[in-house]
């Protein structure tokens, strides 16, 4: 009877332990069902992460493409402004050609482009290899110059050539524009290149009036509807005057006035002024 009380006290504790043990889940980590459930959960998580990364990559790719498009637009806008400046300089400065120096047949036409005659160093005798031009224009020998690097893009190459005009490096600008018109015979800025060739052949010392005539005539014959045509006609008229062909000069300048008189083109007023001063 002396053991009855301790045993009586241990029975509730034993029952409670048995209940707790019965409530605890027993998981067999080696069972196929547990492995399948765990593997499926991990695969779903990895798939979700991959989908999220794919979406982020698509978003980043869209941002990059948009920025590339914006950069391309900015480059084109900058080049268009550059070409517009080219046209404005040509139309504004060709008016300086009205001054005739001397009391008889001696005459000179002031140079437009990037500077005046005072800023041009003597070109010396023409020497070096000739750069090919189209068959219906007489080839013109130019001074030897370093090889002209090309970006393979007509817009960039034109910008590089025109930069030489602005810097006053007229001899190398001639070489660059000759290479340009040969490399890009159907380029967007090829008519502008022919116009500047005509200008440059008048700007260099000694002047090459024959080459200037060829360049302006080529522009007029190949691109009769280009916006450089009125200015080219006016400049060609002044070149005829310098060559002593006053009749042809007067006829061409009069034609500029008759054809473009109602357009407001600056070449009209310059033609009138030139005729007033010299005829």
C-alpha atoms as a PDB file:
ATOM      1  CA  UNK A   1       0.000   0.000   0.000  1.00  0.00           C
ATOM      2  CA  UNK A   2       2.950   2.304   0.392  1.00  0.00           C
ATOM      3  CA  UNK A   3       3.387   2.562  -3.435  1.00  0.00           C
ATOM      4  CA  UNK A   4      -0.224   3.391  -4.266  1.00  0.00           C
ATOM      5  CA  UNK A   5       0.052   7.167  -3.935  1.00  0.00           C
ATOM      6  CA  UNK A   6       3.155   7.655  -6.183  1.00  0.00           C
ATOM      7  CA  UNK A   7       1.663   5.536  -8.923  1.00  0.00           C
ATOM      8  CA  UNK A   8      -1.530   7.491  -8.704  1.00  0.00           C
ATOM      9  CA  UNK A   9       0.398  10.723  -9.235  1.00  0.00           C
ATOM     10  CA  UNK A  10       2.360   9.395 -12.262  1.00  0.00           C
ATOM     11  CA  UNK A  11      -0.684   8.266 -14.243  1.00  0.00           C
ATOM     12  CA  UNK A  12      -1.862  11.802 -15.303  1.00  0.00           C
ATOM     13  CA  UNK A  13       1.635  12.749 -16.397  1.00  0.00           C
ATOM     14  CA  UNK A  14       1.930   9.648 -18.501  1.00  0.00           C
ATOM     15  CA  UNK A  15      -1.404  10.288 -20.146  1.00  0.00           C
ATOM     16  CA  UNK A  16      -0.474  13.891 -20.937  1.00  0.00           C
ATOM     17  CA  UNK A  17       2.808  12.826 -22.540  1.00  0.00           C
ATOM     18  CA  UNK A  18       0.993  10.281 -24.654  1.00  0.00           C
ATOM     19  CA  UNK A  19      -1.449  12.940 -25.899  1.00  0.00           C
ATOM     20  CA  UNK A  20       1.339  15.364 -26.806  1.00  0.00           C
ATOM     21  CA  UNK A  21       3.238  12.656 -28.640  1.00  0.00           C
ATOM     22  CA  UNK A  22       0.097  11.723 -30.569  1.00  0.00           C
ATOM     23  CA  UNK A  23      -0.437  15.371 -31.681  1.00  0.00           C
ATOM     24  CA  UNK A  24       3.108  15.870 -33.096  1.00  0.00           C
ATOM     25  CA  UNK A  25       3.149  15.110 -36.874  1.00  0.00           C
ATOM     26  CA  UNK A  26       5.527  12.494 -38.040  1.00  0.00           C
ATOM     27  CA  UNK A  27       7.135  13.361 -41.385  1.00  0.00           C
ATOM     28  CA  UNK A  28       9.255  10.963 -43.315  1.00  0.00           C
ATOM     29  CA  UNK A  29      11.660  13.183 -45.302  1.00  0.00           C
ATOM     30  CA  UNK A  30      12.677  10.199 -47.385  1.00  0.00           C
ATOM     31  CA  UNK A  31       9.152   9.489 -48.538  1.00  0.00           C
ATOM     32  CA  UNK A  32       8.423  10.082 -52.278  1.00  0.00           C
ATOM     33  CA  UNK A  33       5.466  12.311 -51.442  1.00  0.00           C
ATOM     34  CA  UNK A  34       7.534  14.696 -49.312  1.00  0.00           C
ATOM     35  CA  UNK A  35      10.296  14.900 -51.905  1.00  0.00           C
ATOM     36  CA  UNK A  36       7.782  15.609 -54.691  1.00  0.00           C
ATOM     37  CA  UNK A  37       6.064  18.336 -52.664  1.00  0.00           C
ATOM     38  CA  UNK A  38       9.345  20.007 -51.718  1.00  0.00           C
ATOM     39  CA  UNK A  39      10.753  19.780 -55.261  1.00  0.00           C
ATOM     40  CA  UNK A  40       7.585  21.235 -56.776  1.00  0.00           C
ATOM     41  CA  UNK A  41       7.711  24.186 -54.400  1.00  0.00           C
ATOM     42  CA  UNK A  42      11.329  24.969 -55.281  1.00  0.00           C
ATOM     43  CA  UNK A  43      10.645  24.712 -59.004  1.00  0.00           C
ATOM     44  CA  UNK A  44       7.719  27.091 -58.695  1.00  0.00           C
ATOM     45  CA  UNK A  45       9.872  29.597 -56.815  1.00  0.00           C
ATOM     46  CA  UNK A  46      12.688  29.364 -59.385  1.00  0.00           C
ATOM     47  CA  UNK A  47      10.217  29.762 -62.245  1.00  0.00           C
ATOM     48  CA  UNK A  48       8.743  32.842 -60.605  1.00  0.00           C
ATOM     49  CA  UNK A  49      12.227  34.333 -60.207  1.00  0.00           C
ATOM     50  CA  UNK A  50      13.051  33.620 -63.852  1.00  0.00           C
ATOM     51  CA  UNK A  51       9.847  35.280 -64.979  1.00  0.00           C
ATOM     52  CA  UNK A  52      10.675  38.325 -62.892  1.00  0.00           C
ATOM     53  CA  UNK A  53      14.208  38.517 -64.339  1.00  0.00           C
ATOM     54  CA  UNK A  54      12.856  38.128 -67.875  1.00  0.00           C
ATOM     55  CA  UNK A  55      10.425  40.979 -67.300  1.00  0.00           C
ATOM     56  CA  UNK A  56      13.216  43.186 -65.936  1.00  0.00           C
ATOM     57  CA  UNK A  57      15.420  42.400 -68.966  1.00  0.00           C
ATOM     58  CA  UNK A  58      12.585  43.299 -71.341  1.00  0.00           C
ATOM     59  CA  UNK A  59      12.088  46.588 -69.517  1.00  0.00           C
ATOM     60  CA  UNK A  60      15.811  47.397 -69.667  1.00  0.00           C
ATOM     61  CA  UNK A  61      15.986  46.455 -73.356  1.00  0.00           C
ATOM     62  CA  UNK A  62      13.101  48.802 -74.068  1.00  0.00           C
ATOM     63  CA  UNK A  63      14.874  51.633 -72.231  1.00  0.00           C
ATOM     64  CA  UNK A  64      18.100  51.032 -74.190  1.00  0.00           C
ATOM     65  CA  UNK A  65      16.266  50.987 -77.533  1.00  0.00           C
ATOM     66  CA  UNK A  66      14.430  54.194 -76.655  1.00  0.00           C
ATOM     67  CA  UNK A  67      17.710  55.903 -75.704  1.00  0.00           C
ATOM     68  CA  UNK A  68      19.380  54.726 -78.916  1.00  0.00           C
ATOM     69  CA  UNK A  69      16.480  56.169 -80.905  1.00  0.00           C
ATOM     70  CA  UNK A  70      16.737  59.467 -79.045  1.00  0.00           C
ATOM     71  CA  UNK A  71      20.496  59.634 -79.660  1.00  0.00           C
ATOM     72  CA  UNK A  72      19.954  58.932 -83.358  1.00  0.00           C
ATOM     73  CA  UNK A  73      17.347  61.696 -83.528  1.00  0.00           C
ATOM     74  CA  UNK A  74      19.668  64.153 -81.784  1.00  0.00           C
ATOM     75  CA  UNK A  75      22.493  63.339 -84.208  1.00  0.00           C
ATOM     76  CA  UNK A  76      20.216  63.843 -87.212  1.00  0.00           C
ATOM     77  CA  UNK A  77      18.833  67.094 -85.798  1.00  0.00           C
ATOM     78  CA  UNK A  78      22.359  68.349 -85.193  1.00  0.00           C
ATOM     79  CA  UNK A  79      23.384  67.493 -88.730  1.00  0.00           C
ATOM     80  CA  UNK A  80      20.257  69.128 -90.171  1.00  0.00           C
ATOM     81  CA  UNK A  81      21.058  72.300 -88.263  1.00  0.00           C
ATOM     82  CA  UNK A  82      24.620  72.082 -89.523  1.00  0.00           C
ATOM     83  CA  UNK A  83      23.444  71.804 -93.130  1.00  0.00           C
ATOM     84  CA  UNK A  84      20.995  74.648 -92.603  1.00  0.00           C
ATOM     85  CA  UNK A  85      23.887  76.769 -91.344  1.00  0.00           C
ATOM     86  CA  UNK A  86      25.824  75.740 -94.445  1.00  0.00           C
ATOM     87  CA  UNK A  87      22.980  76.952 -96.648  1.00  0.00           C
ATOM     88  CA  UNK A  88      22.569  80.206 -94.734  1.00  0.00           C
ATOM     89  CA  UNK A  89      26.288  80.960 -94.861  1.00  0.00           C
ATOM     90  CA  UNK A  90      26.279  80.312 -98.581  1.00  0.00           C
ATOM     91  CA  UNK A  91      23.315  82.595 -99.190  1.00  0.00           C
ATOM     92  CA  UNK A  92      24.540  85.363 -96.903  1.00  0.00           C
ATOM     93  CA  UNK A  93      28.161  85.531 -97.889  1.00  0.00           C
ATOM     94  CA  UNK A  94      27.935  85.163-101.640  1.00  0.00           C
ATOM     95  CA  UNK A  95      26.777  88.788-101.701  1.00  0.00           C
ATOM     96  CA  UNK A  96      30.361  89.810-101.043  1.00  0.00           C
ATOM     97  CA  UNK A  97      31.175  88.847-104.606  1.00  0.00           C
ATOM     98  CA  UNK A  98      29.812  92.121-105.948  1.00  0.00           C
ATOM     99  CA  UNK A  99      33.004  94.102-105.406  1.00  0.00           C
ATOM    100  CA  UNK A 100      35.171  94.405-108.515  1.00  0.00           C
ATOM    101  CA  UNK A 101      38.762  95.495-108.010  1.00  0.00           C
ATOM    102  CA  UNK A 102      40.630  97.586-110.613  1.00  0.00           C
ATOM    103  CA  UNK A 103      39.730 100.102-113.305  1.00  0.00           C
ATOM    104  CA  UNK A 104      39.551  97.755-116.290  1.00  0.00           C
ATOM    105  CA  UNK A 105      39.183  94.004-116.722  1.00  0.00           C
ATOM    106  CA  UNK A 106      40.935  93.095-113.454  1.00  0.00           C
ATOM    107  CA  UNK A 107      38.348  91.825-110.998  1.00  0.00           C
ATOM    108  CA  UNK A 108      38.026  89.651-107.976  1.00  0.00           C
ATOM    109  CA  UNK A 109      35.115  88.133-106.138  1.00  0.00           C
ATOM    110  CA  UNK A 110      35.214  88.111-102.352  1.00  0.00           C
ATOM    111  CA  UNK A 111      35.065  84.669-100.837  1.00  0.00           C
ATOM    112  CA  UNK A 112      32.202  83.479 -98.734  1.00  0.00           C
ATOM    113  CA  UNK A 113      32.514  80.365 -96.535  1.00  0.00           C
ATOM    114  CA  UNK A 114      34.639  80.530 -93.415  1.00  0.00           C
ATOM    115  CA  UNK A 115      36.786  83.609 -94.029  1.00  0.00           C
ATOM    116  CA  UNK A 116      38.127  86.189 -96.454  1.00  0.00           C
ATOM    117  CA  UNK A 117      40.959  86.214 -98.957  1.00  0.00           C
ATOM    118  CA  UNK A 118      43.186  87.740 -96.301  1.00  0.00           C
ATOM    119  CA  UNK A 119      42.918  84.575 -94.260  1.00  0.00           C
ATOM    120  CA  UNK A 120      43.837  82.201 -97.083  1.00  0.00           C
ATOM    121  CA  UNK A 121      47.422  81.124 -97.547  1.00  0.00           C
ATOM    122  CA  UNK A 122      48.768  80.829-101.061  1.00  0.00           C
ATOM    123  CA  UNK A 123      47.927  77.510-102.582  1.00  0.00           C
ATOM    124  CA  UNK A 124      50.986  77.434-104.833  1.00  0.00           C
ATOM    125  CA  UNK A 125      51.110  75.445-108.037  1.00  0.00           C
ATOM    126  CA  UNK A 126      48.660  72.614-108.266  1.00  0.00           C
ATOM    127  CA  UNK A 127      50.457  69.346-107.806  1.00  0.00           C
ATOM    128  CA  UNK A 128      49.983  65.795-106.695  1.00  0.00           C
ATOM    129  CA  UNK A 129      47.629  63.050-107.705  1.00  0.00           C
ATOM    130  CA  UNK A 130      44.238  63.823-109.214  1.00  0.00           C
ATOM    131  CA  UNK A 131      41.046  62.633-107.588  1.00  0.00           C
ATOM    132  CA  UNK A 132      38.529  61.134-109.989  1.00  0.00           C
ATOM    133  CA  UNK A 133      35.267  62.968-110.681  1.00  0.00           C
ATOM    134  CA  UNK A 134      32.361  62.062-112.980  1.00  0.00           C
ATOM    135  CA  UNK A 135      33.212  61.741-116.671  1.00  0.00           C
ATOM    136  CA  UNK A 136      31.291  64.823-117.788  1.00  0.00           C
ATOM    137  CA  UNK A 137      33.307  67.060-115.449  1.00  0.00           C
ATOM    138  CA  UNK A 138      36.935  67.758-116.199  1.00  0.00           C
ATOM    139  CA  UNK A 139      39.188  66.069-113.612  1.00  0.00           C
ATOM    140  CA  UNK A 140      41.005  68.592-111.449  1.00  0.00           C
ATOM    141  CA  UNK A 141      44.389  67.976-109.889  1.00  0.00           C
ATOM    142  CA  UNK A 142      44.554  68.862-106.213  1.00  0.00           C
ATOM    143  CA  UNK A 143      47.347  69.375-103.731  1.00  0.00           C
ATOM    144  CA  UNK A 144      48.735  66.266-102.131  1.00  0.00           C
ATOM    145  CA  UNK A 145      46.931  65.664 -98.850  1.00  0.00           C
ATOM    146  CA  UNK A 146      46.797  62.906 -96.239  1.00  0.00           C
ATOM    147  CA  UNK A 147      44.403  60.057 -96.921  1.00  0.00           C
ATOM    148  CA  UNK A 148      40.857  61.081 -96.086  1.00  0.00           C
ATOM    149  CA  UNK A 149      39.455  58.939 -93.310  1.00  0.00           C
ATOM    150  CA  UNK A 150      35.884  57.853 -93.821  1.00  0.00           C
ATOM    151  CA  UNK A 151      33.269  56.936 -91.270  1.00  0.00           C
ATOM    152  CA  UNK A 152      31.373  55.047 -93.951  1.00  0.00           C
ATOM    153  CA  UNK A 153      28.496  57.480 -93.453  1.00  0.00           C
ATOM    154  CA  UNK A 154      27.778  60.240 -95.960  1.00  0.00           C
ATOM    155  CA  UNK A 155      26.442  62.630 -93.326  1.00  0.00           C
ATOM    156  CA  UNK A 156      29.472  62.283 -91.061  1.00  0.00           C
ATOM    157  CA  UNK A 157      31.919  62.516 -93.967  1.00  0.00           C
ATOM    158  CA  UNK A 158      30.209  65.659 -95.253  1.00  0.00           C
ATOM    159  CA  UNK A 159      30.367  67.204 -91.781  1.00  0.00           C
ATOM    160  CA  UNK A 160      34.086  66.452 -91.585  1.00  0.00           C
ATOM    161  CA  UNK A 161      34.715  67.988 -95.014  1.00  0.00           C
ATOM    162  CA  UNK A 162      32.706  71.100 -94.244  1.00  0.00           C
ATOM    163  CA  UNK A 163      34.591  71.529 -90.960  1.00  0.00           C
ATOM    164  CA  UNK A 164      37.707  72.080 -93.097  1.00  0.00           C
ATOM    165  CA  UNK A 165      35.918  74.949 -94.846  1.00  0.00           C
ATOM    166  CA  UNK A 166      35.025  76.551 -91.544  1.00  0.00           C
ATOM    167  CA  UNK A 167      38.605  76.220 -90.310  1.00  0.00           C
ATOM    168  CA  UNK A 168      39.953  77.859 -93.492  1.00  0.00           C
ATOM    169  CA  UNK A 169      41.814  74.749 -94.669  1.00  0.00           C
ATOM    170  CA  UNK A 170      40.574  75.186 -98.228  1.00  0.00           C
ATOM    171  CA  UNK A 171      43.087  72.976-100.036  1.00  0.00           C
ATOM    172  CA  UNK A 172      42.301  69.940 -97.921  1.00  0.00           C
ATOM    173  CA  UNK A 173      38.594  70.807 -98.019  1.00  0.00           C
ATOM    174  CA  UNK A 174      38.761  70.542-101.826  1.00  0.00           C
ATOM    175  CA  UNK A 175      40.373  67.124-101.534  1.00  0.00           C
ATOM    176  CA  UNK A 176      37.780  65.990 -98.990  1.00  0.00           C
ATOM    177  CA  UNK A 177      34.832  67.135-101.087  1.00  0.00           C
ATOM    178  CA  UNK A 178      36.261  65.517-104.231  1.00  0.00           C
ATOM    179  CA  UNK A 179      36.620  62.243-102.363  1.00  0.00           C
ATOM    180  CA  UNK A 180      33.112  62.722-101.000  1.00  0.00           C
ATOM    181  CA  UNK A 181      31.422  63.187-104.393  1.00  0.00           C
ATOM    182  CA  UNK A 182      33.276  60.170-105.750  1.00  0.00           C
ATOM    183  CA  UNK A 183      32.406  58.012-102.748  1.00  0.00           C
ATOM    184  CA  UNK A 184      28.777  59.143-102.508  1.00  0.00           C
ATOM    185  CA  UNK A 185      27.628  60.066-106.047  1.00  0.00           C
ATOM    186  CA  UNK A 186      23.985  59.802-104.934  1.00  0.00           C
ATOM    187  CA  UNK A 187      24.453  61.017-101.383  1.00  0.00           C
ATOM    188  CA  UNK A 188      22.039  63.305 -99.633  1.00  0.00           C
ATOM    189  CA  UNK A 189      24.614  66.110 -99.420  1.00  0.00           C
ATOM    190  CA  UNK A 190      26.387  65.558-102.739  1.00  0.00           C
ATOM    191  CA  UNK A 191      24.803  68.684-104.339  1.00  0.00           C
ATOM    192  CA  UNK A 192      26.057  70.736-101.385  1.00  0.00           C
ATOM    193  CA  UNK A 193      29.517  69.243-101.851  1.00  0.00           C
ATOM    194  CA  UNK A 194      29.571  70.317-105.525  1.00  0.00           C
ATOM    195  CA  UNK A 195      28.482  73.802-104.526  1.00  0.00           C
ATOM    196  CA  UNK A 196      31.303  74.115-101.999  1.00  0.00           C
ATOM    197  CA  UNK A 197      33.802  72.814-104.517  1.00  0.00           C
ATOM    198  CA  UNK A 198      32.830  75.708-106.782  1.00  0.00           C
ATOM    199  CA  UNK A 199      33.212  78.148-103.903  1.00  0.00           C
ATOM    200  CA  UNK A 200      36.539  76.718-102.821  1.00  0.00           C
ATOM    201  CA  UNK A 201      38.115  76.857-106.282  1.00  0.00           C
ATOM    202  CA  UNK A 202      37.410  80.600-106.243  1.00  0.00           C
ATOM    203  CA  UNK A 203      38.689  80.938-102.672  1.00  0.00           C
ATOM    204  CA  UNK A 204      42.088  79.285-103.089  1.00  0.00           C
ATOM    205  CA  UNK A 205      45.127  81.085-104.417  1.00  0.00           C
ATOM    206  CA  UNK A 206      45.743  80.858-107.272  1.00  0.00           C
ATOM    207  CA  UNK A 207      42.097  80.615-108.222  1.00  0.00           C
ATOM    208  CA  UNK A 208      41.013  77.706-110.387  1.00  0.00           C
ATOM    209  CA  UNK A 209      38.142  79.310-112.271  1.00  0.00           C
ATOM    210  CA  UNK A 210      37.869  76.446-114.753  1.00  0.00           C
ATOM    211  CA  UNK A 211      37.341  73.958-111.948  1.00  0.00           C
ATOM    212  CA  UNK A 212      34.866  76.315-110.262  1.00  0.00           C
ATOM    213  CA  UNK A 213      32.913  76.560-113.518  1.00  0.00           C
ATOM    214  CA  UNK A 214      32.860  72.783-113.879  1.00  0.00           C
ATOM    215  CA  UNK A 215      31.632  72.283-110.305  1.00  0.00           C
ATOM    216  CA  UNK A 216      28.803  74.834-110.565  1.00  0.00           C
ATOM    217  CA  UNK A 217      27.754  73.557-114.005  1.00  0.00           C
ATOM    218  CA  UNK A 218      27.684  69.977-112.734  1.00  0.00           C
ATOM    219  CA  UNK A 219      25.427  70.999-109.848  1.00  0.00           C
ATOM    220  CA  UNK A 220      23.073  72.866-112.178  1.00  0.00           C
ATOM    221  CA  UNK A 221      22.861  70.037-114.699  1.00  0.00           C
ATOM    222  CA  UNK A 222      22.492  67.126-112.283  1.00  0.00           C
ATOM    223  CA  UNK A 223      20.394  68.738-109.545  1.00  0.00           C
ATOM    224  CA  UNK A 224      18.238  71.401-111.267  1.00  0.00           C
ATOM    225  CA  UNK A 225      15.663  71.422-108.448  1.00  0.00           C
ATOM    226  CA  UNK A 226      18.065  71.603-105.510  1.00  0.00           C
ATOM    227  CA  UNK A 227      17.865  74.606-103.186  1.00  0.00           C
ATOM    228  CA  UNK A 228      21.510  75.429-103.955  1.00  0.00           C
ATOM    229  CA  UNK A 229      20.708  76.123-107.624  1.00  0.00           C
ATOM    230  CA  UNK A 230      19.959  79.878-107.339  1.00  0.00           C
ATOM    231  CA  UNK A 231      23.156  80.510-105.386  1.00  0.00           C
ATOM    232  CA  UNK A 232      25.136  78.335-107.811  1.00  0.00           C
ATOM    233  CA  UNK A 233      23.749  80.294-110.777  1.00  0.00           C
ATOM    234  CA  UNK A 234      24.703  83.568-109.170  1.00  0.00           C
ATOM    235  CA  UNK A 235      28.207  82.341-108.339  1.00  0.00           C
ATOM    236  CA  UNK A 236      28.673  80.919-111.817  1.00  0.00           C
ATOM    237  CA  UNK A 237      27.690  84.281-113.252  1.00  0.00           C
ATOM    238  CA  UNK A 238      30.420  85.970-111.199  1.00  0.00           C
ATOM    239  CA  UNK A 239      32.935  83.347-112.325  1.00  0.00           C
ATOM    240  CA  UNK A 240      32.045  84.045-115.961  1.00  0.00           C
ATOM    241  CA  UNK A 241      32.719  87.718-115.242  1.00  0.00           C
ATOM    242  CA  UNK A 242      36.134  86.903-113.752  1.00  0.00           C
ATOM    243  CA  UNK A 243      36.936  84.852-116.844  1.00  0.00           C
ATOM    244  CA  UNK A 244      36.164  87.887-119.007  1.00  0.00           C
ATOM    245  CA  UNK A 245      32.940  86.480-120.444  1.00  0.00           C
ATOM    246  CA  UNK A 246      30.784  89.461-119.487  1.00  0.00           C
ATOM    247  CA  UNK A 247      27.984  88.689-121.897  1.00  0.00           C
ATOM    248  CA  UNK A 248      27.468  85.209-120.496  1.00  0.00           C
ATOM    249  CA  UNK A 249      27.733  86.586-116.974  1.00  0.00           C
ATOM    250  CA  UNK A 250      25.057  89.181-117.641  1.00  0.00           C
ATOM    251  CA  UNK A 251      22.750  86.642-119.266  1.00  0.00           C
ATOM    252  CA  UNK A 252      23.004  84.192-116.379  1.00  0.00           C
ATOM    253  CA  UNK A 253      22.535  86.814-113.676  1.00  0.00           C
ATOM    254  CA  UNK A 254      19.526  88.201-115.527  1.00  0.00           C
ATOM    255  CA  UNK A 255      18.141  84.666-115.720  1.00  0.00           C
ATOM    256  CA  UNK A 256      18.462  84.367-111.935  1.00  0.00           C
ATOM    257  CA  UNK A 257      16.383  87.507-111.515  1.00  0.00           C
ATOM    258  CA  UNK A 258      13.756  86.413-114.037  1.00  0.00           C
ATOM    259  CA  UNK A 259      13.415  82.880-112.729  1.00  0.00           C
ATOM    260  CA  UNK A 260      13.575  83.477-108.976  1.00  0.00           C
ATOM    261  CA  UNK A 261      12.449  87.100-108.713  1.00  0.00           C
ATOM    262  CA  UNK A 262       9.210  86.216-106.925  1.00  0.00           C
ATOM    263  CA  UNK A 263      10.705  83.652-104.560  1.00  0.00           C
ATOM    264  CA  UNK A 264      12.529  86.002-102.214  1.00  0.00           C
ATOM    265  CA  UNK A 265      15.772  84.074-102.718  1.00  0.00           C
ATOM    266  CA  UNK A 266      18.812  86.109-101.688  1.00  0.00           C
ATOM    267  CA  UNK A 267      20.568  85.267-104.975  1.00  0.00           C
ATOM    268  CA  UNK A 268      18.119  87.577-106.759  1.00  0.00           C
ATOM    269  CA  UNK A 269      19.152  90.704-104.865  1.00  0.00           C
ATOM    270  CA  UNK A 270      22.817  89.783-105.180  1.00  0.00           C
ATOM    271  CA  UNK A 271      22.437  89.337-108.943  1.00  0.00           C
ATOM    272  CA  UNK A 272      20.776  92.744-109.219  1.00  0.00           C
ATOM    273  CA  UNK A 273      23.516  94.363-107.160  1.00  0.00           C
ATOM    274  CA  UNK A 274      26.275  92.724-109.185  1.00  0.00           C
ATOM    275  CA  UNK A 275      24.686  93.833-112.463  1.00  0.00           C
ATOM    276  CA  UNK A 276      24.220  97.364-111.126  1.00  0.00           C
ATOM    277  CA  UNK A 277      27.865  97.685-110.140  1.00  0.00           C
ATOM    278  CA  UNK A 278      29.498  96.036-113.130  1.00  0.00           C
ATOM    279  CA  UNK A 279      27.280  96.582-116.184  1.00  0.00           C
END
